[in-house]
Amino acid sequence: MSSSEGKTITVIGSGLIGRSWAMVFISGGYRVKIYDNQPGQAARAIQEVRKQLEDLQEECMLRGDQSASEQLALLSSHNDLCQALEGAFFVQECVFEEIEAKRSVFQAVESHVGEGVILSSSTSCLLPSNIFSQVQNRKRCIISHPVNPPYYVRLVELVPHPETLVEVVDTTHALMTAVGQAPVRLKKEIDGFALNRVQYAIIAESWRLVKDGVISVKDIDLVMSEGLGMRYAFIGPMETMHLNAPEGLEDYLQRYREGMKRVLNAFGPVPEFSGEAAERINKEMCELIPADQQHLSARRERRDQLLMGLAKLKK
């Protein structure tokens, strides 16, 4: 048995998410075959990964035990799907967020791989029962939804299809843990998964507070970055409640239950996120950070640098 057998992963799609997954998997010592149906794209993706790994090595932020060049040696690019899938035990699909595109990828993949190969999608919002509806053997299908950028933000939401075997979830969980990600299991599929449902709840109430003239765009962002986000970088809302009362969660509920219900009942309807309010909020946002590529790129770079520092701290 060759050293790479049972250790090969195929990444389908060489865009931002595909490249990020490839970097995460090679950092864990897995051999990665990256496939793209656009000729030359997968080869270009490898050059982009090379540059990123060299930069990370310089910053002493390279993940894994091997050097950048040793990790790059595990990566290959392919224009032929059959060749790209040969020897893989796990397939991570990263094509654009369009259901028919993803369905056709999985139909093509299924015709080239054995029954035991796990088929995983990176989708952020499409349900497993929709994406995998045309796969014959849905027992080995799962969604592994990363958070952008996955190299620094380690959460992966694992969402099973109603027919997915427990062993498939366990194997995927073990793989994600082995490569240094932080996988969470959803016990069943739900629209928006967990991360976006929580995120949208925060966005909706933040939007309502700005729209109703309670607070500015700048200040609502500070409520999160200098307040809630400080603790949420290390502990979640359940532990926060548990630690915020002298005798734990039960004590917290007794003290704050009625207040929480009163405030929650005062929340307004789901915002439209359009019209005059959206124009006003967008104008206020653009006064802080203009929406041209130069300003947005600089802020994204700053975001990634700060996430890199936080990831280092969380170690």
C-alpha atoms as a PDB file:
ATOM      1  CA  MET A   1       0.000   0.000   0.000  1.00  0.00           C
ATOM      2  CA  SER A   2       1.493   3.344  -1.013  1.00  0.00           C
ATOM      3  CA  SER A   3       1.824   6.055   1.638  1.00  0.00           C
ATOM      4  CA  SER A   4      -0.717   8.244  -0.134  1.00  0.00           C
ATOM      5  CA  GLU A   5      -3.407   5.545  -0.368  1.00  0.00           C
ATOM      6  CA  GLY A   6      -6.275   6.285   1.967  1.00  0.00           C
ATOM      7  CA  LYS A   7      -4.739   9.734   2.346  1.00  0.00           C
ATOM      8  CA  THR A   8      -5.847  11.287  -0.944  1.00  0.00           C
ATOM      9  CA  ILE A   9      -8.548  13.960  -1.168  1.00  0.00           C
ATOM     10  CA  THR A  10      -9.978  15.408  -4.377  1.00  0.00           C
ATOM     11  CA  VAL A  11     -10.997  19.078  -4.335  1.00  0.00           C
ATOM     12  CA  ILE A  12     -13.375  20.021  -7.159  1.00  0.00           C
ATOM     13  CA  GLY A  13     -13.280  23.700  -8.104  1.00  0.00           C
ATOM     14  CA  SER A  14     -10.151  25.847  -7.783  1.00  0.00           C
ATOM     15  CA  GLY A  15     -11.639  29.169  -6.683  1.00  0.00           C
ATOM     16  CA  LEU A  16     -11.071  30.815  -3.303  1.00  0.00           C
ATOM     17  CA  ILE A  17     -12.792  28.080  -1.258  1.00  0.00           C
ATOM     18  CA  GLY A  18     -11.238  25.237  -3.260  1.00  0.00           C
ATOM     19  CA  ARG A  19      -7.751  26.696  -2.779  1.00  0.00           C
ATOM     20  CA  SER A  20      -8.409  27.231   0.934  1.00  0.00           C
ATOM     21  CA  TRP A  21      -9.563  23.628   1.425  1.00  0.00           C
ATOM     22  CA  ALA A  22      -6.495  22.379  -0.486  1.00  0.00           C
ATOM     23  CA  MET A  23      -4.234  24.392   1.858  1.00  0.00           C
ATOM     24  CA  VAL A  24      -6.011  23.046   4.942  1.00  0.00           C
ATOM     25  CA  PHE A  25      -5.831  19.404   3.765  1.00  0.00           C
ATOM     26  CA  ILE A  26      -2.150  19.494   2.714  1.00  0.00           C
ATOM     27  CA  SER A  27      -1.283  21.126   6.051  1.00  0.00           C
ATOM     28  CA  GLY A  28      -2.561  17.906   7.655  1.00  0.00           C
ATOM     29  CA  GLY A  29      -0.329  15.746   5.439  1.00  0.00           C
ATOM     30  CA  TYR A  30      -3.017  14.663   2.973  1.00  0.00           C
ATOM     31  CA  ARG A  31      -2.303  14.336  -0.727  1.00  0.00           C
ATOM     32  CA  VAL A  32      -4.672  16.678  -2.594  1.00  0.00           C
ATOM     33  CA  LYS A  33      -5.715  16.530  -6.230  1.00  0.00           C
ATOM     34  CA  ILE A  34      -7.343  19.773  -7.330  1.00  0.00           C
ATOM     35  CA  TYR A  35      -9.659  19.611 -10.343  1.00  0.00           C
ATOM     36  CA  ASP A  36     -11.226  22.363 -12.424  1.00  0.00           C
ATOM     37  CA  ASN A  37     -13.151  21.930 -15.666  1.00  0.00           C
ATOM     38  CA  GLN A  38     -11.707  25.201 -17.033  1.00  0.00           C
ATOM     39  CA  PRO A  39      -8.370  24.255 -18.683  1.00  0.00           C
ATOM     40  CA  GLY A  40      -5.390  25.774 -16.882  1.00  0.00           C
ATOM     41  CA  GLN A  41      -7.406  26.982 -13.857  1.00  0.00           C
ATOM     42  CA  ALA A  42      -6.270  24.219 -11.476  1.00  0.00           C
ATOM     43  CA  ALA A  43      -2.606  24.791 -12.433  1.00  0.00           C
ATOM     44  CA  ARG A  44      -3.030  28.525 -11.789  1.00  0.00           C
ATOM     45  CA  ALA A  45      -4.613  27.738  -8.411  1.00  0.00           C
ATOM     46  CA  ILE A  46      -1.450  25.848  -7.411  1.00  0.00           C
ATOM     47  CA  GLN A  47       0.696  28.897  -8.171  1.00  0.00           C
ATOM     48  CA  GLU A  48      -1.629  30.980  -5.987  1.00  0.00           C
ATOM     49  CA  VAL A  49      -1.396  28.397  -3.163  1.00  0.00           C
ATOM     50  CA  ARG A  50       2.423  28.370  -3.488  1.00  0.00           C
ATOM     51  CA  LYS A  51       2.526  32.146  -3.003  1.00  0.00           C
ATOM     52  CA  GLN A  52       0.187  32.008   0.010  1.00  0.00           C
ATOM     53  CA  LEU A  53       2.087  29.168   1.689  1.00  0.00           C
ATOM     54  CA  GLU A  54       5.416  30.967   1.237  1.00  0.00           C
ATOM     55  CA  ASP A  55       3.930  34.139   2.753  1.00  0.00           C
ATOM     56  CA  LEU A  56       2.504  32.148   5.675  1.00  0.00           C
ATOM     57  CA  GLN A  57       5.870  30.473   6.253  1.00  0.00           C
ATOM     58  CA  GLU A  58       7.530  33.891   6.369  1.00  0.00           C
ATOM     59  CA  GLU A  59       4.938  35.073   8.915  1.00  0.00           C
ATOM     60  CA  CYS A  60       5.507  31.874  10.990  1.00  0.00           C
ATOM     61  CA  MET A  61       1.801  31.140  10.502  1.00  0.00           C
ATOM     62  CA  LEU A  62       2.095  28.017   8.345  1.00  0.00           C
ATOM     63  CA  ARG A  63      -0.126  25.226   9.654  1.00  0.00           C
ATOM     64  CA  GLY A  64       1.085  21.633  10.022  1.00  0.00           C
ATOM     65  CA  ASP A  65       4.475  20.005  10.671  1.00  0.00           C
ATOM     66  CA  GLN A  66       5.876  20.275   7.144  1.00  0.00           C
ATOM     67  CA  SER A  67       7.526  23.164   5.300  1.00  0.00           C
ATOM     68  CA  ALA A  68       5.758  25.060   2.511  1.00  0.00           C
ATOM     69  CA  SER A  69       7.663  23.138  -0.178  1.00  0.00           C
ATOM     70  CA  GLU A  70       6.897  19.765   1.468  1.00  0.00           C
ATOM     71  CA  GLN A  71       3.203  20.683   1.608  1.00  0.00           C
ATOM     72  CA  LEU A  72       3.227  21.833  -2.026  1.00  0.00           C
ATOM     73  CA  ALA A  73       4.679  18.468  -3.049  1.00  0.00           C
ATOM     74  CA  LEU A  74       1.390  16.903  -1.872  1.00  0.00           C
ATOM     75  CA  LEU A  75      -0.648  19.035  -4.285  1.00  0.00           C
ATOM     76  CA  SER A  76      -1.390  18.255  -7.941  1.00  0.00           C
ATOM     77  CA  SER A  77      -3.653  19.872 -10.541  1.00  0.00           C
ATOM     78  CA  HIS A  78      -5.911  17.970 -12.960  1.00  0.00           C
ATOM     79  CA  ASN A  79      -8.055  18.776 -16.005  1.00  0.00           C
ATOM     80  CA  ASP A  80      -9.335  15.184 -16.224  1.00  0.00           C
ATOM     81  CA  LEU A  81     -12.010  14.282 -13.643  1.00  0.00           C
ATOM     82  CA  CYS A  82     -11.419  10.528 -13.708  1.00  0.00           C
ATOM     83  CA  GLN A  83      -7.682  11.027 -13.090  1.00  0.00           C
ATOM     84  CA  ALA A  84      -8.397  13.576 -10.337  1.00  0.00           C
ATOM     85  CA  LEU A  85     -10.651  11.116  -8.466  1.00  0.00           C
ATOM     86  CA  GLU A  86      -8.305   8.131  -8.681  1.00  0.00           C
ATOM     87  CA  GLY A  87      -7.324   6.902  -5.195  1.00  0.00           C
ATOM     88  CA  ALA A  88      -9.415   9.485  -3.293  1.00  0.00           C
ATOM     89  CA  PHE A  89     -11.348   8.487  -0.170  1.00  0.00           C
ATOM     90  CA  PHE A  90     -12.966  11.925   0.219  1.00  0.00           C
ATOM     91  CA  VAL A  91     -14.223  14.445  -2.361  1.00  0.00           C
ATOM     92  CA  GLN A  92     -14.749  18.116  -1.402  1.00  0.00           C
ATOM     93  CA  GLU A  93     -16.873  20.016  -3.953  1.00  0.00           C
ATOM     94  CA  CYS A  94     -16.279  23.782  -4.160  1.00  0.00           C
ATOM     95  CA  VAL A  95     -18.013  24.958  -7.333  1.00  0.00           C
ATOM     96  CA  PHE A  96     -20.141  28.122  -7.335  1.00  0.00           C
ATOM     97  CA  GLU A  97     -23.339  28.305  -5.292  1.00  0.00           C
ATOM     98  CA  GLU A  98     -25.791  27.111  -7.925  1.00  0.00           C
ATOM     99  CA  ILE A  99     -27.819  23.959  -7.347  1.00  0.00           C
ATOM    100  CA  GLU A 100     -27.739  22.542 -10.889  1.00  0.00           C
ATOM    101  CA  ALA A 101     -23.959  23.050 -11.115  1.00  0.00           C
ATOM    102  CA  LYS A 102     -23.452  21.152  -7.855  1.00  0.00           C
ATOM    103  CA  ARG A 103     -25.899  18.380  -8.799  1.00  0.00           C
ATOM    104  CA  SER A 104     -24.140  17.783 -12.116  1.00  0.00           C
ATOM    105  CA  VAL A 105     -20.740  17.649 -10.351  1.00  0.00           C
ATOM    106  CA  PHE A 106     -21.969  14.942  -7.963  1.00  0.00           C
ATOM    107  CA  GLN A 107     -23.575  12.935 -10.777  1.00  0.00           C
ATOM    108  CA  ALA A 108     -20.298  13.009 -12.698  1.00  0.00           C
ATOM    109  CA  VAL A 109     -18.228  12.182  -9.606  1.00  0.00           C
ATOM    110  CA  GLU A 110     -20.441   9.261  -8.592  1.00  0.00           C
ATOM    111  CA  SER A 111     -19.860   7.505 -11.903  1.00  0.00           C
ATOM    112  CA  HIS A 112     -16.070   7.484 -11.273  1.00  0.00           C
ATOM    113  CA  VAL A 113     -15.759   6.496  -7.590  1.00  0.00           C
ATOM    114  CA  GLY A 114     -16.450   3.435  -5.422  1.00  0.00           C
ATOM    115  CA  GLU A 115     -19.342   3.158  -2.950  1.00  0.00           C
ATOM    116  CA  GLY A 116     -17.149   3.927   0.069  1.00  0.00           C
ATOM    117  CA  VAL A 117     -15.943   7.352  -1.124  1.00  0.00           C
ATOM    118  CA  ILE A 118     -17.432  10.256   0.855  1.00  0.00           C
ATOM    119  CA  LEU A 119     -19.006  13.046  -1.216  1.00  0.00           C
ATOM    120  CA  SER A 120     -18.882  16.402   0.581  1.00  0.00           C
ATOM    121  CA  SER A 121     -20.165  19.837  -0.488  1.00  0.00           C
ATOM    122  CA  SER A 122     -18.909  23.256   0.646  1.00  0.00           C
ATOM    123  CA  THR A 123     -22.311  24.912   0.161  1.00  0.00           C
ATOM    124  CA  SER A 124     -23.212  27.676   2.603  1.00  0.00           C
ATOM    125  CA  CYS A 125     -26.971  27.636   2.066  1.00  0.00           C
ATOM    126  CA  LEU A 126     -28.252  24.763  -0.087  1.00  0.00           C
ATOM    127  CA  LEU A 127     -29.844  21.829   1.757  1.00  0.00           C
ATOM    128  CA  PRO A 128     -28.317  18.342   1.459  1.00  0.00           C
ATOM    129  CA  SER A 129     -31.673  16.846   0.386  1.00  0.00           C
ATOM    130  CA  ASN A 130     -31.655  19.266  -2.598  1.00  0.00           C
ATOM    131  CA  ILE A 131     -27.973  19.085  -3.569  1.00  0.00           C
ATOM    132  CA  PHE A 132     -27.719  15.291  -3.391  1.00  0.00           C
ATOM    133  CA  SER A 133     -31.187  14.506  -4.822  1.00  0.00           C
ATOM    134  CA  GLN A 134     -29.706  12.946  -7.983  1.00  0.00           C
ATOM    135  CA  VAL A 135     -26.966  10.923  -6.264  1.00  0.00           C
ATOM    136  CA  GLN A 136     -27.735   7.166  -6.277  1.00  0.00           C
ATOM    137  CA  ASN A 137     -26.031   6.358  -2.951  1.00  0.00           C
ATOM    138  CA  ARG A 138     -26.903   9.254  -0.648  1.00  0.00           C
ATOM    139  CA  LYS A 139     -25.682   7.440   2.470  1.00  0.00           C
ATOM    140  CA  ARG A 140     -22.137   8.763   1.885  1.00  0.00           C
ATOM    141  CA  CYS A 141     -23.142  12.400   1.239  1.00  0.00           C
ATOM    142  CA  ILE A 142     -22.536  15.291   3.634  1.00  0.00           C
ATOM    143  CA  ILE A 143     -22.175  19.059   3.664  1.00  0.00           C
ATOM    144  CA  SER A 144     -18.922  20.421   5.146  1.00  0.00           C
ATOM    145  CA  HIS A 145     -19.553  24.169   5.234  1.00  0.00           C
ATOM    146  CA  PRO A 146     -16.390  26.171   6.002  1.00  0.00           C
ATOM    147  CA  VAL A 147     -16.242  29.771   7.208  1.00  0.00           C
ATOM    148  CA  ASN A 148     -14.325  32.167   4.987  1.00  0.00           C
ATOM    149  CA  PRO A 149     -11.299  32.169   5.208  1.00  0.00           C
ATOM    150  CA  PRO A 150     -11.084  28.542   6.483  1.00  0.00           C
ATOM    151  CA  TYR A 151      -7.312  28.726   7.021  1.00  0.00           C
ATOM    152  CA  TYR A 152      -7.831  31.121   9.961  1.00  0.00           C
ATOM    153  CA  VAL A 153     -11.468  30.536  10.912  1.00  0.00           C
ATOM    154  CA  ARG A 154     -11.560  26.856  11.724  1.00  0.00           C
ATOM    155  CA  LEU A 155     -15.268  26.154  12.131  1.00  0.00           C
ATOM    156  CA  VAL A 156     -16.807  23.594   9.753  1.00  0.00           C
ATOM    157  CA  GLU A 157     -20.534  22.821   9.893  1.00  0.00           C
ATOM    158  CA  LEU A 158     -21.233  19.165   9.121  1.00  0.00           C
ATOM    159  CA  VAL A 159     -24.800  18.771   7.845  1.00  0.00           C
ATOM    160  CA  PRO A 160     -26.033  15.266   6.987  1.00  0.00           C
ATOM    161  CA  HIS A 161     -28.514  14.256   4.302  1.00  0.00           C
ATOM    162  CA  PRO A 162     -31.515  12.460   5.908  1.00  0.00           C
ATOM    163  CA  GLU A 163     -29.965   9.173   4.654  1.00  0.00           C
ATOM    164  CA  THR A 164     -26.321   9.902   5.632  1.00  0.00           C
ATOM    165  CA  LEU A 165     -24.716   7.123   7.691  1.00  0.00           C
ATOM    166  CA  VAL A 166     -23.426   7.986  11.174  1.00  0.00           C
ATOM    167  CA  GLU A 167     -20.032   6.503  10.137  1.00  0.00           C
ATOM    168  CA  VAL A 168     -19.779   9.073   7.319  1.00  0.00           C
ATOM    169  CA  VAL A 169     -20.356  11.935   9.778  1.00  0.00           C
ATOM    170  CA  ASP A 170     -17.816  10.355  12.185  1.00  0.00           C
ATOM    171  CA  THR A 171     -15.177   9.930   9.446  1.00  0.00           C
ATOM    172  CA  THR A 172     -15.681  13.515   8.216  1.00  0.00           C
ATOM    173  CA  HIS A 173     -15.532  14.833  11.794  1.00  0.00           C
ATOM    174  CA  ALA A 174     -12.285  12.898  12.390  1.00  0.00           C
ATOM    175  CA  LEU A 175     -10.769  14.181   9.104  1.00  0.00           C
ATOM    176  CA  MET A 176     -11.645  17.808   9.884  1.00  0.00           C
ATOM    177  CA  THR A 177     -10.222  17.455  13.399  1.00  0.00           C
ATOM    178  CA  ALA A 178      -7.047  15.823  12.041  1.00  0.00           C
ATOM    179  CA  VAL A 179      -6.392  18.779   9.706  1.00  0.00           C
ATOM    180  CA  GLY A 180      -6.892  21.293  12.543  1.00  0.00           C
ATOM    181  CA  GLN A 181     -10.433  22.500  11.789  1.00  0.00           C
ATOM    182  CA  ALA A 182     -13.173  22.745  14.448  1.00  0.00           C
ATOM    183  CA  PRO A 183     -16.089  20.637  13.151  1.00  0.00           C
ATOM    184  CA  VAL A 184     -19.607  20.881  14.595  1.00  0.00           C
ATOM    185  CA  ARG A 185     -22.363  18.360  13.880  1.00  0.00           C
ATOM    186  CA  LEU A 186     -25.889  19.362  12.950  1.00  0.00           C
ATOM    187  CA  LYS A 187     -28.147  16.458  13.881  1.00  0.00           C
ATOM    188  CA  LYS A 188     -30.479  17.217  10.961  1.00  0.00           C
ATOM    189  CA  GLU A 189     -30.718  19.595   8.015  1.00  0.00           C
ATOM    190  CA  ILE A 190     -32.264  23.047   8.482  1.00  0.00           C
ATOM    191  CA  ASP A 191     -32.350  26.104   6.219  1.00  0.00           C
ATOM    192  CA  GLY A 192     -29.335  28.349   6.920  1.00  0.00           C
ATOM    193  CA  PHE A 193     -27.609  25.645   9.033  1.00  0.00           C
ATOM    194  CA  ALA A 194     -26.512  26.952  12.468  1.00  0.00           C
ATOM    195  CA  LEU A 195     -23.934  29.654  11.703  1.00  0.00           C
ATOM    196  CA  ASN A 196     -26.075  31.670   9.294  1.00  0.00           C
ATOM    197  CA  ARG A 197     -29.197  31.383  11.450  1.00  0.00           C
ATOM    198  CA  VAL A 198     -27.283  32.909  14.386  1.00  0.00           C
ATOM    199  CA  GLN A 199     -25.553  35.429  12.094  1.00  0.00           C
ATOM    200  CA  TYR A 200     -28.836  36.531  10.503  1.00  0.00           C
ATOM    201  CA  ALA A 201     -30.440  37.008  13.937  1.00  0.00           C
ATOM    202  CA  ILE A 202     -27.565  39.375  14.867  1.00  0.00           C
ATOM    203  CA  ILE A 203     -27.736  41.166  11.487  1.00  0.00           C
ATOM    204  CA  ALA A 204     -31.524  41.614  11.731  1.00  0.00           C
ATOM    205  CA  GLU A 205     -31.508  43.194  15.180  1.00  0.00           C
ATOM    206  CA  SER A 206     -28.435  45.347  14.347  1.00  0.00           C
ATOM    207  CA  TRP A 207     -30.208  46.535  11.181  1.00  0.00           C
ATOM    208  CA  ARG A 208     -33.417  47.340  13.091  1.00  0.00           C
ATOM    209  CA  LEU A 209     -31.509  49.381  15.699  1.00  0.00           C
ATOM    210  CA  VAL A 210     -29.792  51.454  12.996  1.00  0.00           C
ATOM    211  CA  LYS A 211     -32.965  51.800  10.884  1.00  0.00           C
ATOM    212  CA  ASP A 212     -34.993  52.985  13.914  1.00  0.00           C
ATOM    213  CA  GLY A 213     -32.414  55.674  14.749  1.00  0.00           C
ATOM    214  CA  VAL A 214     -31.303  54.041  18.011  1.00  0.00           C
ATOM    215  CA  ILE A 215     -27.594  53.757  17.104  1.00  0.00           C
ATOM    216  CA  SER A 216     -25.180  54.473  14.219  1.00  0.00           C
ATOM    217  CA  VAL A 217     -23.624  51.922  11.849  1.00  0.00           C
ATOM    218  CA  LYS A 218     -20.200  52.571  13.386  1.00  0.00           C
ATOM    219  CA  ASP A 219     -21.446  52.102  16.950  1.00  0.00           C
ATOM    220  CA  ILE A 220     -23.489  48.928  16.365  1.00  0.00           C
ATOM    221  CA  ASP A 221     -20.328  47.358  14.905  1.00  0.00           C
ATOM    222  CA  LEU A 222     -18.456  48.410  18.063  1.00  0.00           C
ATOM    223  CA  VAL A 223     -21.138  46.696  20.183  1.00  0.00           C
ATOM    224  CA  MET A 224     -19.949  43.452  18.589  1.00  0.00           C
ATOM    225  CA  SER A 225     -16.210  44.047  18.037  1.00  0.00           C
ATOM    226  CA  GLU A 226     -15.496  45.668  21.421  1.00  0.00           C
ATOM    227  CA  GLY A 227     -18.258  43.939  23.390  1.00  0.00           C
ATOM    228  CA  LEU A 228     -19.909  40.631  22.550  1.00  0.00           C
ATOM    229  CA  GLY A 229     -17.222  39.616  20.058  1.00  0.00           C
ATOM    230  CA  MET A 230     -14.510  39.839  22.718  1.00  0.00           C
ATOM    231  CA  ARG A 231     -16.004  36.987  24.698  1.00  0.00           C
ATOM    232  CA  TYR A 232     -17.492  35.168  21.697  1.00  0.00           C
ATOM    233  CA  ALA A 233     -13.981  34.739  20.263  1.00  0.00           C
ATOM    234  CA  PHE A 234     -13.381  32.179  23.015  1.00  0.00           C
ATOM    235  CA  ILE A 235     -16.731  31.105  24.534  1.00  0.00           C
ATOM    236  CA  GLY A 236     -20.217  30.773  23.083  1.00  0.00           C
ATOM    237  CA  PRO A 237     -23.623  32.107  24.194  1.00  0.00           C
ATOM    238  CA  MET A 238     -24.506  29.045  26.300  1.00  0.00           C
ATOM    239  CA  GLU A 239     -21.259  29.152  28.302  1.00  0.00           C
ATOM    240  CA  THR A 240     -21.589  32.952  28.560  1.00  0.00           C
ATOM    241  CA  MET A 241     -24.941  32.515  30.351  1.00  0.00           C
ATOM    242  CA  HIS A 242     -23.491  29.753  32.544  1.00  0.00           C
ATOM    243  CA  LEU A 243     -20.575  31.976  33.665  1.00  0.00           C
ATOM    244  CA  ASN A 244     -22.609  35.194  34.010  1.00  0.00           C
ATOM    245  CA  ALA A 245     -24.564  34.193  37.112  1.00  0.00           C
ATOM    246  CA  PRO A 246     -23.029  33.177  40.470  1.00  0.00           C
ATOM    247  CA  GLU A 247     -24.493  29.657  40.336  1.00  0.00           C
ATOM    248  CA  GLY A 248     -24.502  28.902  36.634  1.00  0.00           C
ATOM    249  CA  LEU A 249     -27.093  28.538  33.885  1.00  0.00           C
ATOM    250  CA  GLU A 250     -30.112  27.688  36.040  1.00  0.00           C
ATOM    251  CA  ASP A 251     -29.389  30.728  38.236  1.00  0.00           C
ATOM    252  CA  TYR A 252     -28.971  32.905  35.098  1.00  0.00           C
ATOM    253  CA  LEU A 253     -32.369  31.820  33.766  1.00  0.00           C
ATOM    254  CA  GLN A 254     -34.065  32.555  37.072  1.00  0.00           C
ATOM    255  CA  ARG A 255     -32.542  36.044  37.174  1.00  0.00           C
ATOM    256  CA  TYR A 256     -32.933  37.043  33.519  1.00  0.00           C
ATOM    257  CA  ARG A 257     -35.662  34.847  31.988  1.00  0.00           C
ATOM    258  CA  GLU A 258     -38.419  37.462  32.200  1.00  0.00           C
ATOM    259  CA  GLY A 259     -36.177  40.300  30.959  1.00  0.00           C
ATOM    260  CA  MET A 260     -34.998  38.208  27.994  1.00  0.00           C
ATOM    261  CA  LYS A 261     -38.572  37.337  27.016  1.00  0.00           C
ATOM    262  CA  ARG A 262     -39.690  40.972  27.378  1.00  0.00           C
ATOM    263  CA  VAL A 263     -36.890  42.243  25.089  1.00  0.00           C
ATOM    264  CA  LEU A 264     -37.302  39.417  22.562  1.00  0.00           C
ATOM    265  CA  ASN A 265     -41.034  40.083  22.327  1.00  0.00           C
ATOM    266  CA  ALA A 266     -40.236  43.742  21.537  1.00  0.00           C
ATOM    267  CA  PHE A 267     -38.223  42.818  18.420  1.00  0.00           C
ATOM    268  CA  GLY A 268     -39.670  44.185  15.188  1.00  0.00           C
ATOM    269  CA  PRO A 269     -40.561  42.205  12.038  1.00  0.00           C
ATOM    270  CA  VAL A 270     -37.934  40.752   9.718  1.00  0.00           C
ATOM    271  CA  PRO A 271     -36.367  43.735   7.852  1.00  0.00           C
ATOM    272  CA  GLU A 272     -36.755  44.059   4.067  1.00  0.00           C
ATOM    273  CA  PHE A 273     -33.050  45.062   3.692  1.00  0.00           C
ATOM    274  CA  SER A 274     -34.114  47.306   0.788  1.00  0.00           C
ATOM    275  CA  GLY A 275     -35.612  50.693  -0.026  1.00  0.00           C
ATOM    276  CA  GLU A 276     -34.871  53.980   1.736  1.00  0.00           C
ATOM    277  CA  ALA A 277     -33.471  52.354   4.896  1.00  0.00           C
ATOM    278  CA  ALA A 278     -30.988  50.276   2.897  1.00  0.00           C
ATOM    279  CA  GLU A 279     -29.843  53.355   0.942  1.00  0.00           C
ATOM    280  CA  ARG A 280     -29.350  55.298   4.170  1.00  0.00           C
ATOM    281  CA  ILE A 281     -27.456  52.487   5.930  1.00  0.00           C
ATOM    282  CA  ASN A 282     -25.302  51.866   2.844  1.00  0.00           C
ATOM    283  CA  LYS A 283     -24.433  55.596   2.650  1.00  0.00           C
ATOM    284  CA  GLU A 284     -23.416  55.590   6.317  1.00  0.00           C
ATOM    285  CA  MET A 285     -21.307  52.433   5.811  1.00  0.00           C
ATOM    286  CA  CYS A 286     -19.590  53.866   2.715  1.00  0.00           C
ATOM    287  CA  GLU A 287     -18.666  57.034   4.610  1.00  0.00           C
ATOM    288  CA  LEU A 288     -16.706  54.784   6.988  1.00  0.00           C
ATOM    289  CA  ILE A 289     -15.293  52.431   4.320  1.00  0.00           C
ATOM    290  CA  PRO A 290     -15.801  53.497   0.666  1.00  0.00           C
ATOM    291  CA  ALA A 291     -17.055  50.632  -1.504  1.00  0.00           C
ATOM    292  CA  ASP A 292     -14.280  50.877  -4.131  1.00  0.00           C
ATOM    293  CA  GLN A 293     -11.901  47.943  -4.668  1.00  0.00           C
ATOM    294  CA  GLN A 294      -8.900  49.734  -3.131  1.00  0.00           C
ATOM    295  CA  HIS A 295     -10.604  50.409   0.216  1.00  0.00           C
ATOM    296  CA  LEU A 296     -12.417  47.051   0.361  1.00  0.00           C
ATOM    297  CA  SER A 297      -9.241  45.093  -0.481  1.00  0.00           C
ATOM    298  CA  ALA A 298      -7.289  46.947   2.196  1.00  0.00           C
ATOM    299  CA  ARG A 299      -9.980  46.199   4.805  1.00  0.00           C
ATOM    300  CA  ARG A 300     -10.165  42.536   3.767  1.00  0.00           C
ATOM    301  CA  GLU A 301      -6.386  42.293   4.118  1.00  0.00           C
ATOM    302  CA  ARG A 302      -6.638  43.900   7.561  1.00  0.00           C
ATOM    303  CA  ARG A 303      -9.413  41.438   8.493  1.00  0.00           C
ATOM    304  CA  ASP A 304      -7.267  38.454   7.473  1.00  0.00           C
ATOM    305  CA  GLN A 305      -4.205  39.791   9.333  1.00  0.00           C
ATOM    306  CA  LEU A 306      -6.296  40.253  12.498  1.00  0.00           C
ATOM    307  CA  LEU A 307      -7.845  36.794  12.115  1.00  0.00           C
ATOM    308  CA  MET A 308      -4.326  35.380  11.691  1.00  0.00           C
ATOM    309  CA  GLY A 309      -3.296  37.054  14.959  1.00  0.00           C
ATOM    310  CA  LEU A 310      -6.410  35.776  16.724  1.00  0.00           C
ATOM    311  CA  ALA A 311      -5.841  32.253  15.386  1.00  0.00           C
ATOM    312  CA  LYS A 312      -2.290  32.412  16.804  1.00  0.00           C
ATOM    313  CA  LEU A 313      -3.671  33.576  20.155  1.00  0.00           C
ATOM    314  CA  LYS A 314      -6.324  30.823  20.228  1.00  0.00           C
ATOM    315  CA  LYS A 315      -3.595  28.175  19.918  1.00  0.00           C
END
